[in-house]
C-alpha cells in the first residue's frame, strides 16, 4: 500500500527564468566581486550550468583598490573594503572575455565610475563588446571615496546615471544595483525604473566595522567595509519585497544566499533571479551546487516553474 505522499509523483520542473529580454536557464547568477572574472572558478564546476556570470566590477582604467588588509571575517558574514580593484575594461575585453563561455552562458559586466559621463562611456564600450549580455551599473559600492554609494542614495543621481548609461547601451539590458543604505529604497527603485533600467539588483553590502582588541586597531585598513553573507539576508529579503512591490521591472535578489532554499525564499519575496556572493568564498562550488539542487527543491514545494512561486508571499 502506498502512502498519499508517495503515490503523487513529483512534478517535472523548469528552472528557466526571463529577466527582461534576457533568458536564463536558471536563476542562479554570481555576484560581482565574489567570482573574479569567472575563469578562476572553472575548476569547481561547469560555468555553463549557471544562469549567468556577473564578473568583477570594471572601471575605465585599472584600479589598485584600497590598502591591505581588505577582508575581515565576522561571526555571520564578511567585511570587505576591496575598493573595486580591477584590471580595467580594455584588459578585461582583451584577456578575459574571449576565454569565457559567453555563447553558452550570459556574461553580465558590472561597471563602476566616478561620474555620469564616465558611467556612460564605460557602458557604451561594454555594450558594443561581443559576448556581453547585460550591464550591471554599480551605484552602491560603500568602499570607494568618490561615486559609488553616493549615486545610489539619491534618486535623482541614480536616475541620471541610469539614463546616461541607457543612452549608450543600445539594446544591451541595463541592470542597476541598489544600496540598502537609504531610508526608502522603493523611491530610488522607482526613479531608476523611470530612467529606463531593465532590472534592479537588491542589495549591495551594508557598511560595517571590525576591531582588533589586542592591537586596538580596526581590522580593515579602510576602517569601514561592506558587510555581506548570511547576516544581511533578512535585510536583502526585505528590500527585494519592497522593491518588487514598487516597480514592474524584474528584481534580482542579492545577500546571504547559501542554499537552493534561500533562492526560493527570494523568489517568493518577488525576485526573478538571484546572485550568489559570499557563499562562493565559503565554498567555491556554492553557486554550482545551488543550480544543481534547485530542481529537487522545487519538486519538494510541488511547483513546476518559478513563476508559480514568484511574489506569492502571503502578508
C-alpha atoms as a PDB file:
ATOM      1  CA  UNK A   1       0.000   0.000   0.000  1.00  0.00           C
ATOM      2  CA  UNK A   2       1.378   3.375  -0.946  1.00  0.00           C
ATOM      3  CA  UNK A   3       1.040   6.443   1.174  1.00  0.00           C
ATOM      4  CA  UNK A   4      -0.616   9.553  -0.183  1.00  0.00           C
ATOM      5  CA  UNK A   5       2.703  11.363  -0.467  1.00  0.00           C
ATOM      6  CA  UNK A   6       4.429   8.553  -2.331  1.00  0.00           C
ATOM      7  CA  UNK A   7       1.540   7.948  -4.714  1.00  0.00           C
ATOM      8  CA  UNK A   8       1.743  11.503  -6.088  1.00  0.00           C
ATOM      9  CA  UNK A   9       4.727  11.829  -8.358  1.00  0.00           C
ATOM     10  CA  UNK A  10       6.889  14.908  -8.067  1.00  0.00           C
ATOM     11  CA  UNK A  11       6.374  17.327 -10.960  1.00  0.00           C
ATOM     12  CA  UNK A  12       8.957  17.796 -13.641  1.00  0.00           C
ATOM     13  CA  UNK A  13      10.298  21.284 -13.269  1.00  0.00           C
ATOM     14  CA  UNK A  14      11.642  24.115 -15.364  1.00  0.00           C
ATOM     15  CA  UNK A  15      14.179  26.389 -13.707  1.00  0.00           C
ATOM     16  CA  UNK A  16      14.220  28.835 -16.626  1.00  0.00           C
ATOM     17  CA  UNK A  17      13.547  32.490 -15.926  1.00  0.00           C
ATOM     18  CA  UNK A  18      13.288  35.626 -18.003  1.00  0.00           C
ATOM     19  CA  UNK A  19      14.957  38.840 -16.803  1.00  0.00           C
ATOM     20  CA  UNK A  20      13.521  41.353 -19.225  1.00  0.00           C
ATOM     21  CA  UNK A  21      14.772  40.333 -22.653  1.00  0.00           C
ATOM     22  CA  UNK A  22      17.431  38.037 -21.234  1.00  0.00           C
ATOM     23  CA  UNK A  23      16.558  34.338 -20.949  1.00  0.00           C
ATOM     24  CA  UNK A  24      18.390  32.378 -18.227  1.00  0.00           C
ATOM     25  CA  UNK A  25      18.407  28.594 -17.895  1.00  0.00           C
ATOM     26  CA  UNK A  26      18.123  29.038 -14.138  1.00  0.00           C
ATOM     27  CA  UNK A  27      18.004  31.998 -11.731  1.00  0.00           C
ATOM     28  CA  UNK A  28      21.474  31.444 -10.255  1.00  0.00           C
ATOM     29  CA  UNK A  29      23.876  34.289 -11.048  1.00  0.00           C
ATOM     30  CA  UNK A  30      27.196  35.082  -9.436  1.00  0.00           C
ATOM     31  CA  UNK A  31      27.538  38.353  -7.568  1.00  0.00           C
ATOM     32  CA  UNK A  32      30.128  40.784  -8.805  1.00  0.00           C
ATOM     33  CA  UNK A  33      33.301  40.894  -6.765  1.00  0.00           C
ATOM     34  CA  UNK A  34      32.921  37.367  -5.441  1.00  0.00           C
ATOM     35  CA  UNK A  35      33.575  35.308  -8.565  1.00  0.00           C
ATOM     36  CA  UNK A  36      36.609  37.014 -10.072  1.00  0.00           C
ATOM     37  CA  UNK A  37      36.390  37.191 -13.848  1.00  0.00           C
ATOM     38  CA  UNK A  38      34.684  33.789 -13.903  1.00  0.00           C
ATOM     39  CA  UNK A  39      37.535  31.606 -15.101  1.00  0.00           C
ATOM     40  CA  UNK A  40      39.004  31.376 -11.588  1.00  0.00           C
ATOM     41  CA  UNK A  41      36.027  29.200 -10.584  1.00  0.00           C
ATOM     42  CA  UNK A  42      36.066  26.878 -13.601  1.00  0.00           C
ATOM     43  CA  UNK A  43      37.906  24.150 -11.606  1.00  0.00           C
ATOM     44  CA  UNK A  44      34.964  23.925  -9.196  1.00  0.00           C
ATOM     45  CA  UNK A  45      32.078  23.410 -11.607  1.00  0.00           C
ATOM     46  CA  UNK A  46      30.708  23.845 -15.105  1.00  0.00           C
ATOM     47  CA  UNK A  47      30.397  27.579 -15.748  1.00  0.00           C
ATOM     48  CA  UNK A  48      27.759  26.805 -18.376  1.00  0.00           C
ATOM     49  CA  UNK A  49      25.481  25.310 -15.710  1.00  0.00           C
ATOM     50  CA  UNK A  50      24.906  28.746 -14.158  1.00  0.00           C
ATOM     51  CA  UNK A  51      22.129  31.113 -15.097  1.00  0.00           C
ATOM     52  CA  UNK A  52      24.705  33.810 -15.716  1.00  0.00           C
ATOM     53  CA  UNK A  53      28.087  35.124 -14.643  1.00  0.00           C
ATOM     54  CA  UNK A  54      28.470  38.643 -13.313  1.00  0.00           C
ATOM     55  CA  UNK A  55      32.138  39.496 -13.387  1.00  0.00           C
ATOM     56  CA  UNK A  56      34.229  41.620 -11.076  1.00  0.00           C
ATOM     57  CA  UNK A  57      33.408  45.331 -11.285  1.00  0.00           C
ATOM     58  CA  UNK A  58      35.136  47.158 -14.114  1.00  0.00           C
ATOM     59  CA  UNK A  59      36.304  50.746 -14.427  1.00  0.00           C
ATOM     60  CA  UNK A  60      37.638  52.659 -17.416  1.00  0.00           C
ATOM     61  CA  UNK A  61      41.206  52.459 -16.113  1.00  0.00           C
ATOM     62  CA  UNK A  62      42.777  49.773 -13.900  1.00  0.00           C
ATOM     63  CA  UNK A  63      42.359  50.334 -10.147  1.00  0.00           C
ATOM     64  CA  UNK A  64      44.675  49.157  -7.389  1.00  0.00           C
ATOM     65  CA  UNK A  65      41.918  49.243  -4.788  1.00  0.00           C
ATOM     66  CA  UNK A  66      42.289  50.029  -1.104  1.00  0.00           C
ATOM     67  CA  UNK A  67      45.325  49.241   1.090  1.00  0.00           C
ATOM     68  CA  UNK A  68      45.616  45.856   2.827  1.00  0.00           C
ATOM     69  CA  UNK A  69      44.107  44.340   4.914  1.00  0.00           C
ATOM     70  CA  UNK A  70      40.868  44.480   2.936  1.00  0.00           C
ATOM     71  CA  UNK A  71      38.952  41.461   4.255  1.00  0.00           C
ATOM     72  CA  UNK A  72      37.778  40.510   7.732  1.00  0.00           C
ATOM     73  CA  UNK A  73      35.596  37.603   8.785  1.00  0.00           C
ATOM     74  CA  UNK A  74      32.790  38.149  11.280  1.00  0.00           C
ATOM     75  CA  UNK A  75      30.698  35.501  13.056  1.00  0.00           C
ATOM     76  CA  UNK A  76      27.952  35.645  10.416  1.00  0.00           C
ATOM     77  CA  UNK A  77      29.420  37.338   7.392  1.00  0.00           C
ATOM     78  CA  UNK A  78      32.357  39.045   5.803  1.00  0.00           C
ATOM     79  CA  UNK A  79      33.610  42.618   5.752  1.00  0.00           C
ATOM     80  CA  UNK A  80      35.406  43.819   2.661  1.00  0.00           C
ATOM     81  CA  UNK A  81      36.935  47.064   1.537  1.00  0.00           C
ATOM     82  CA  UNK A  82      38.496  45.973  -1.727  1.00  0.00           C
ATOM     83  CA  UNK A  83      37.912  49.359  -3.302  1.00  0.00           C
ATOM     84  CA  UNK A  84      36.951  47.980  -6.728  1.00  0.00           C
ATOM     85  CA  UNK A  85      40.407  46.712  -7.651  1.00  0.00           C
ATOM     86  CA  UNK A  86      40.257  45.613 -11.282  1.00  0.00           C
ATOM     87  CA  UNK A  87      42.293  45.334 -14.449  1.00  0.00           C
ATOM     88  CA  UNK A  88      40.284  47.919 -16.369  1.00  0.00           C
ATOM     89  CA  UNK A  89      37.750  47.433 -19.121  1.00  0.00           C
ATOM     90  CA  UNK A  90      40.164  47.106 -22.044  1.00  0.00           C
ATOM     91  CA  UNK A  91      42.248  44.379 -20.391  1.00  0.00           C
ATOM     92  CA  UNK A  92      39.043  42.530 -19.474  1.00  0.00           C
ATOM     93  CA  UNK A  93      37.759  42.642 -23.034  1.00  0.00           C
ATOM     94  CA  UNK A  94      41.085  41.516 -24.485  1.00  0.00           C
ATOM     95  CA  UNK A  95      42.302  38.975 -21.937  1.00  0.00           C
ATOM     96  CA  UNK A  96      39.306  37.611 -20.007  1.00  0.00           C
ATOM     97  CA  UNK A  97      36.084  37.821 -22.001  1.00  0.00           C
ATOM     98  CA  UNK A  98      37.257  35.742 -25.004  1.00  0.00           C
ATOM     99  CA  UNK A  99      38.061  32.819 -22.681  1.00  0.00           C
ATOM    100  CA  UNK A 100      34.617  32.842 -21.038  1.00  0.00           C
ATOM    101  CA  UNK A 101      31.892  30.582 -22.495  1.00  0.00           C
ATOM    102  CA  UNK A 102      29.750  33.573 -23.449  1.00  0.00           C
ATOM    103  CA  UNK A 103      27.979  31.657 -26.199  1.00  0.00           C
ATOM    104  CA  UNK A 104      26.580  29.219 -23.617  1.00  0.00           C
ATOM    105  CA  UNK A 105      26.064  31.367 -20.519  1.00  0.00           C
ATOM    106  CA  UNK A 106      25.221  35.081 -20.321  1.00  0.00           C
ATOM    107  CA  UNK A 107      28.092  37.260 -19.160  1.00  0.00           C
ATOM    108  CA  UNK A 108      26.999  40.386 -17.300  1.00  0.00           C
ATOM    109  CA  UNK A 109      29.543  43.177 -16.848  1.00  0.00           C
ATOM    110  CA  UNK A 110      29.397  45.135 -13.609  1.00  0.00           C
ATOM    111  CA  UNK A 111      30.710  48.663 -14.025  1.00  0.00           C
ATOM    112  CA  UNK A 112      31.755  51.477 -11.747  1.00  0.00           C
ATOM    113  CA  UNK A 113      32.645  55.104 -12.491  1.00  0.00           C
ATOM    114  CA  UNK A 114      33.070  58.435 -10.750  1.00  0.00           C
ATOM    115  CA  UNK A 115      30.510  60.483 -12.672  1.00  0.00           C
ATOM    116  CA  UNK A 116      27.610  60.064 -15.074  1.00  0.00           C
ATOM    117  CA  UNK A 117      29.685  60.786 -18.180  1.00  0.00           C
ATOM    118  CA  UNK A 118      32.226  58.135 -17.225  1.00  0.00           C
ATOM    119  CA  UNK A 119      29.442  55.656 -16.459  1.00  0.00           C
ATOM    120  CA  UNK A 120      28.007  56.327 -19.920  1.00  0.00           C
ATOM    121  CA  UNK A 121      31.348  55.936 -21.686  1.00  0.00           C
ATOM    122  CA  UNK A 122      32.063  52.669 -19.918  1.00  0.00           C
ATOM    123  CA  UNK A 123      28.559  51.391 -20.605  1.00  0.00           C
ATOM    124  CA  UNK A 124      28.983  52.156 -24.296  1.00  0.00           C
ATOM    125  CA  UNK A 125      32.279  50.281 -24.510  1.00  0.00           C
ATOM    126  CA  UNK A 126      30.834  47.199 -22.816  1.00  0.00           C
ATOM    127  CA  UNK A 127      27.578  47.250 -24.753  1.00  0.00           C
ATOM    128  CA  UNK A 128      29.483  47.149 -28.024  1.00  0.00           C
ATOM    129  CA  UNK A 129      31.617  44.208 -26.944  1.00  0.00           C
ATOM    130  CA  UNK A 130      30.649  40.839 -28.391  1.00  0.00           C
ATOM    131  CA  UNK A 131      29.800  38.457 -25.572  1.00  0.00           C
ATOM    132  CA  UNK A 132      28.340  40.912 -23.053  1.00  0.00           C
ATOM    133  CA  UNK A 133      24.690  40.020 -22.442  1.00  0.00           C
ATOM    134  CA  UNK A 134      23.842  42.792 -19.970  1.00  0.00           C
ATOM    135  CA  UNK A 135      25.389  45.601 -17.951  1.00  0.00           C
ATOM    136  CA  UNK A 136      25.065  45.952 -14.197  1.00  0.00           C
ATOM    137  CA  UNK A 137      25.563  49.531 -13.020  1.00  0.00           C
ATOM    138  CA  UNK A 138      27.059  49.771  -9.559  1.00  0.00           C
ATOM    139  CA  UNK A 139      25.729  52.908  -7.883  1.00  0.00           C
ATOM    140  CA  UNK A 140      26.004  51.403  -4.434  1.00  0.00           C
ATOM    141  CA  UNK A 141      29.591  50.460  -3.509  1.00  0.00           C
ATOM    142  CA  UNK A 142      30.350  51.732   0.021  1.00  0.00           C
ATOM    143  CA  UNK A 143      34.109  51.236  -0.282  1.00  0.00           C
ATOM    144  CA  UNK A 144      35.259  53.972  -2.627  1.00  0.00           C
ATOM    145  CA  UNK A 145      35.952  57.607  -1.832  1.00  0.00           C
ATOM    146  CA  UNK A 146      34.053  59.077  -4.789  1.00  0.00           C
ATOM    147  CA  UNK A 147      30.901  57.993  -6.577  1.00  0.00           C
ATOM    148  CA  UNK A 148      29.646  54.582  -5.511  1.00  0.00           C
ATOM    149  CA  UNK A 149      27.045  54.673  -2.794  1.00  0.00           C
ATOM    150  CA  UNK A 150      26.564  58.439  -3.142  1.00  0.00           C
ATOM    151  CA  UNK A 151      24.869  57.913  -6.514  1.00  0.00           C
ATOM    152  CA  UNK A 152      22.633  55.185  -5.181  1.00  0.00           C
ATOM    153  CA  UNK A 153      21.441  57.129  -2.147  1.00  0.00           C
ATOM    154  CA  UNK A 154      19.993  59.969  -4.215  1.00  0.00           C
ATOM    155  CA  UNK A 155      17.092  59.027  -6.509  1.00  0.00           C
ATOM    156  CA  UNK A 156      17.878  61.917  -8.830  1.00  0.00           C
ATOM    157  CA  UNK A 157      21.542  60.992  -9.167  1.00  0.00           C
ATOM    158  CA  UNK A 158      20.775  57.299  -9.555  1.00  0.00           C
ATOM    159  CA  UNK A 159      18.291  58.095 -12.309  1.00  0.00           C
ATOM    160  CA  UNK A 160      20.782  60.418 -14.023  1.00  0.00           C
ATOM    161  CA  UNK A 161      23.423  57.698 -14.147  1.00  0.00           C
ATOM    162  CA  UNK A 162      20.902  55.129 -15.380  1.00  0.00           C
ATOM    163  CA  UNK A 163      19.671  57.393 -18.145  1.00  0.00           C
ATOM    164  CA  UNK A 164      23.234  58.184 -19.237  1.00  0.00           C
ATOM    165  CA  UNK A 165      24.172  54.502 -19.473  1.00  0.00           C
ATOM    166  CA  UNK A 166      20.934  53.590 -21.245  1.00  0.00           C
ATOM    167  CA  UNK A 167      21.644  56.123 -23.980  1.00  0.00           C
ATOM    168  CA  UNK A 168      24.933  54.379 -24.742  1.00  0.00           C
ATOM    169  CA  UNK A 169      23.849  50.790 -24.168  1.00  0.00           C
ATOM    170  CA  UNK A 170      21.626  50.361 -27.227  1.00  0.00           C
ATOM    171  CA  UNK A 171      19.783  47.077 -26.974  1.00  0.00           C
ATOM    172  CA  UNK A 172      22.000  45.730 -24.207  1.00  0.00           C
ATOM    173  CA  UNK A 173      19.948  45.442 -20.992  1.00  0.00           C
ATOM    174  CA  UNK A 174      20.962  47.741 -18.146  1.00  0.00           C
ATOM    175  CA  UNK A 175      20.598  46.488 -14.588  1.00  0.00           C
ATOM    176  CA  UNK A 176      21.134  48.811 -11.624  1.00  0.00           C
ATOM    177  CA  UNK A 177      22.465  47.546  -8.286  1.00  0.00           C
ATOM    178  CA  UNK A 178      20.861  49.395  -5.382  1.00  0.00           C
ATOM    179  CA  UNK A 179      22.129  50.147  -1.914  1.00  0.00           C
ATOM    180  CA  UNK A 180      20.117  49.240   1.208  1.00  0.00           C
ATOM    181  CA  UNK A 181      21.585  52.264   2.983  1.00  0.00           C
ATOM    182  CA  UNK A 182      18.670  54.581   2.286  1.00  0.00           C
ATOM    183  CA  UNK A 183      15.506  55.427   4.158  1.00  0.00           C
ATOM    184  CA  UNK A 184      13.278  54.475   1.203  1.00  0.00           C
ATOM    185  CA  UNK A 185      14.761  52.025  -1.300  1.00  0.00           C
ATOM    186  CA  UNK A 186      11.473  51.891  -3.207  1.00  0.00           C
ATOM    187  CA  UNK A 187      11.801  55.594  -4.072  1.00  0.00           C
ATOM    188  CA  UNK A 188      15.237  55.018  -5.597  1.00  0.00           C
ATOM    189  CA  UNK A 189      13.918  51.944  -7.415  1.00  0.00           C
ATOM    190  CA  UNK A 190      11.029  53.856  -8.961  1.00  0.00           C
ATOM    191  CA  UNK A 191      13.354  56.671 -10.091  1.00  0.00           C
ATOM    192  CA  UNK A 192      15.751  54.244 -11.718  1.00  0.00           C
ATOM    193  CA  UNK A 193      12.917  52.336 -13.391  1.00  0.00           C
ATOM    194  CA  UNK A 194      11.561  55.586 -14.819  1.00  0.00           C
ATOM    195  CA  UNK A 195      15.054  56.380 -16.135  1.00  0.00           C
ATOM    196  CA  UNK A 196      14.976  53.200 -18.208  1.00  0.00           C
ATOM    197  CA  UNK A 197      16.567  50.447 -16.124  1.00  0.00           C
ATOM    198  CA  UNK A 198      15.719  46.955 -17.367  1.00  0.00           C
ATOM    199  CA  UNK A 199      16.161  45.271 -13.959  1.00  0.00           C
ATOM    200  CA  UNK A 200      17.150  46.107 -10.388  1.00  0.00           C
ATOM    201  CA  UNK A 201      19.567  44.224  -8.143  1.00  0.00           C
ATOM    202  CA  UNK A 202      18.951  44.310  -4.396  1.00  0.00           C
ATOM    203  CA  UNK A 203      21.218  44.697  -2.470  1.00  0.00           C
ATOM    204  CA  UNK A 204      24.826  45.762  -2.205  1.00  0.00           C
ATOM    205  CA  UNK A 205      26.663  45.460   1.127  1.00  0.00           C
ATOM    206  CA  UNK A 206      25.985  47.351   4.346  1.00  0.00           C
ATOM    207  CA  UNK A 207      28.750  49.447   5.942  1.00  0.00           C
ATOM    208  CA  UNK A 208      30.288  47.766   8.970  1.00  0.00           C
ATOM    209  CA  UNK A 209      33.405  47.659  11.105  1.00  0.00           C
ATOM    210  CA  UNK A 210      35.558  45.139  12.953  1.00  0.00           C
ATOM    211  CA  UNK A 211      38.245  45.890  15.521  1.00  0.00           C
ATOM    212  CA  UNK A 212      41.306  44.085  16.844  1.00  0.00           C
ATOM    213  CA  UNK A 213      41.059  44.293  20.633  1.00  0.00           C
ATOM    214  CA  UNK A 214      44.705  43.468  21.368  1.00  0.00           C
ATOM    215  CA  UNK A 215      46.150  45.823  18.769  1.00  0.00           C
ATOM    216  CA  UNK A 216      43.413  48.369  19.428  1.00  0.00           C
ATOM    217  CA  UNK A 217      43.108  48.996  15.692  1.00  0.00           C
ATOM    218  CA  UNK A 218      40.465  48.499  13.017  1.00  0.00           C
ATOM    219  CA  UNK A 219      40.830  45.166  11.239  1.00  0.00           C
ATOM    220  CA  UNK A 220      40.492  46.840   7.850  1.00  0.00           C
ATOM    221  CA  UNK A 221      42.971  49.432   6.640  1.00  0.00           C
ATOM    222  CA  UNK A 222      39.981  51.328   5.271  1.00  0.00           C
ATOM    223  CA  UNK A 223      38.453  51.184   8.810  1.00  0.00           C
ATOM    224  CA  UNK A 224      34.939  50.631   7.415  1.00  0.00           C
ATOM    225  CA  UNK A 225      33.959  47.927   4.937  1.00  0.00           C
ATOM    226  CA  UNK A 226      30.901  46.347   3.359  1.00  0.00           C
ATOM    227  CA  UNK A 227      29.204  43.556   5.295  1.00  0.00           C
ATOM    228  CA  UNK A 228      27.918  40.612   3.259  1.00  0.00           C
ATOM    229  CA  UNK A 229      26.900  37.000   3.849  1.00  0.00           C
ATOM    230  CA  UNK A 230      24.138  35.395   5.927  1.00  0.00           C
ATOM    231  CA  UNK A 231      23.995  38.372   8.303  1.00  0.00           C
ATOM    232  CA  UNK A 232      22.417  40.570   5.636  1.00  0.00           C
ATOM    233  CA  UNK A 233      19.931  38.075   4.198  1.00  0.00           C
ATOM    234  CA  UNK A 234      16.959  39.430   6.191  1.00  0.00           C
ATOM    235  CA  UNK A 235      17.761  42.959   5.006  1.00  0.00           C
ATOM    236  CA  UNK A 236      18.071  41.785   1.401  1.00  0.00           C
ATOM    237  CA  UNK A 237      14.765  39.903   1.562  1.00  0.00           C
ATOM    238  CA  UNK A 238      13.022  42.985   2.933  1.00  0.00           C
ATOM    239  CA  UNK A 239      14.484  45.168   0.176  1.00  0.00           C
ATOM    240  CA  UNK A 240      13.514  42.706  -2.571  1.00  0.00           C
ATOM    241  CA  UNK A 241       9.974  42.542  -1.229  1.00  0.00           C
ATOM    242  CA  UNK A 242       9.650  46.348  -1.012  1.00  0.00           C
ATOM    243  CA  UNK A 243      11.179  46.980  -4.437  1.00  0.00           C
ATOM    244  CA  UNK A 244       9.243  44.199  -6.202  1.00  0.00           C
ATOM    245  CA  UNK A 245       6.010  45.789  -4.971  1.00  0.00           C
ATOM    246  CA  UNK A 246       7.136  49.238  -6.180  1.00  0.00           C
ATOM    247  CA  UNK A 247       8.264  48.520  -9.759  1.00  0.00           C
ATOM    248  CA  UNK A 248       7.213  46.486 -12.790  1.00  0.00           C
ATOM    249  CA  UNK A 249      10.713  45.552 -13.995  1.00  0.00           C
ATOM    250  CA  UNK A 250      12.436  42.357 -12.726  1.00  0.00           C
ATOM    251  CA  UNK A 251      14.200  42.374  -9.367  1.00  0.00           C
ATOM    252  CA  UNK A 252      17.319  40.297  -8.719  1.00  0.00           C
ATOM    253  CA  UNK A 253      17.968  39.332  -5.095  1.00  0.00           C
ATOM    254  CA  UNK A 254      21.452  39.512  -3.574  1.00  0.00           C
ATOM    255  CA  UNK A 255      22.533  38.986   0.012  1.00  0.00           C
ATOM    256  CA  UNK A 256      23.344  35.960   2.131  1.00  0.00           C
ATOM    257  CA  UNK A 257      22.121  33.290  -0.278  1.00  0.00           C
ATOM    258  CA  UNK A 258      23.769  29.970   0.600  1.00  0.00           C
ATOM    259  CA  UNK A 259      21.297  27.264  -0.487  1.00  0.00           C
ATOM    260  CA  UNK A 260      18.623  26.395  -3.039  1.00  0.00           C
ATOM    261  CA  UNK A 261      16.061  27.002  -0.303  1.00  0.00           C
ATOM    262  CA  UNK A 262      17.405  30.553   0.076  1.00  0.00           C
ATOM    263  CA  UNK A 263      16.968  31.003  -3.674  1.00  0.00           C
ATOM    264  CA  UNK A 264      13.309  30.031  -3.414  1.00  0.00           C
ATOM    265  CA  UNK A 265      12.763  32.364  -0.467  1.00  0.00           C
ATOM    266  CA  UNK A 266      13.950  35.300  -2.589  1.00  0.00           C
ATOM    267  CA  UNK A 267      11.713  34.194  -5.472  1.00  0.00           C
ATOM    268  CA  UNK A 268       8.806  34.034  -3.037  1.00  0.00           C
ATOM    269  CA  UNK A 269       9.569  37.602  -1.931  1.00  0.00           C
ATOM    270  CA  UNK A 270       9.362  38.758  -5.554  1.00  0.00           C
ATOM    271  CA  UNK A 271      12.780  38.193  -7.118  1.00  0.00           C
ATOM    272  CA  UNK A 272      13.099  36.887 -10.654  1.00  0.00           C
ATOM    273  CA  UNK A 273      16.698  35.748 -10.197  1.00  0.00           C
ATOM    274  CA  UNK A 274      19.362  35.849  -7.507  1.00  0.00           C
ATOM    275  CA  UNK A 275      23.087  36.426  -7.146  1.00  0.00           C
ATOM    276  CA  UNK A 276      25.347  34.236  -5.023  1.00  0.00           C
ATOM    277  CA  UNK A 277      28.134  36.201  -3.377  1.00  0.00           C
ATOM    278  CA  UNK A 278      29.924  35.493  -0.119  1.00  0.00           C
ATOM    279  CA  UNK A 279      28.935  31.813  -0.277  1.00  0.00           C
ATOM    280  CA  UNK A 280      31.490  31.496  -3.086  1.00  0.00           C
ATOM    281  CA  UNK A 281      34.232  32.303  -0.574  1.00  0.00           C
ATOM    282  CA  UNK A 282      32.960  29.799   1.975  1.00  0.00           C
ATOM    283  CA  UNK A 283      32.597  27.097  -0.671  1.00  0.00           C
ATOM    284  CA  UNK A 284      33.867  27.739  -4.210  1.00  0.00           C
ATOM    285  CA  UNK A 285      31.340  25.361  -5.742  1.00  0.00           C
ATOM    286  CA  UNK A 286      28.407  27.020  -3.934  1.00  0.00           C
ATOM    287  CA  UNK A 287      26.713  28.542  -6.980  1.00  0.00           C
ATOM    288  CA  UNK A 288      27.085  25.323  -8.972  1.00  0.00           C
ATOM    289  CA  UNK A 289      25.681  23.297  -6.086  1.00  0.00           C
ATOM    290  CA  UNK A 290      22.652  25.576  -5.788  1.00  0.00           C
ATOM    291  CA  UNK A 291      21.933  25.308  -9.514  1.00  0.00           C
ATOM    292  CA  UNK A 292      22.102  21.523  -9.261  1.00  0.00           C
ATOM    293  CA  UNK A 293      19.919  21.385  -6.134  1.00  0.00           C
ATOM    294  CA  UNK A 294      17.238  23.784  -7.348  1.00  0.00           C
ATOM    295  CA  UNK A 295      15.060  21.273  -9.285  1.00  0.00           C
ATOM    296  CA  UNK A 296      14.752  18.992  -6.254  1.00  0.00           C
ATOM    297  CA  UNK A 297      13.972  21.963  -4.015  1.00  0.00           C
ATOM    298  CA  UNK A 298      11.215  22.984  -6.435  1.00  0.00           C
ATOM    299  CA  UNK A 299       9.845  19.461  -6.521  1.00  0.00           C
ATOM    300  CA  UNK A 300       9.734  19.464  -2.721  1.00  0.00           C
ATOM    301  CA  UNK A 301       7.451  22.512  -2.941  1.00  0.00           C
ATOM    302  CA  UNK A 302       5.487  20.844  -5.740  1.00  0.00           C
ATOM    303  CA  UNK A 303       5.991  23.685  -8.178  1.00  0.00           C
ATOM    304  CA  UNK A 304       6.779  23.122 -11.836  1.00  0.00           C
ATOM    305  CA  UNK A 305       8.052  26.623 -12.557  1.00  0.00           C
ATOM    306  CA  UNK A 306       9.385  29.552 -10.582  1.00  0.00           C
ATOM    307  CA  UNK A 307       6.562  31.707 -11.947  1.00  0.00           C
ATOM    308  CA  UNK A 308       4.230  29.742  -9.682  1.00  0.00           C
ATOM    309  CA  UNK A 309       6.159  30.910  -6.632  1.00  0.00           C
ATOM    310  CA  UNK A 310       7.320  34.408  -7.534  1.00  0.00           C
ATOM    311  CA  UNK A 311       5.792  37.145  -5.406  1.00  0.00           C
ATOM    312  CA  UNK A 312       3.243  34.870  -3.771  1.00  0.00           C
ATOM    313  CA  UNK A 313       4.302  35.728  -0.230  1.00  0.00           C
ATOM    314  CA  UNK A 314       1.204  35.926   1.948  1.00  0.00           C
ATOM    315  CA  UNK A 315       1.367  39.105   4.039  1.00  0.00           C
END
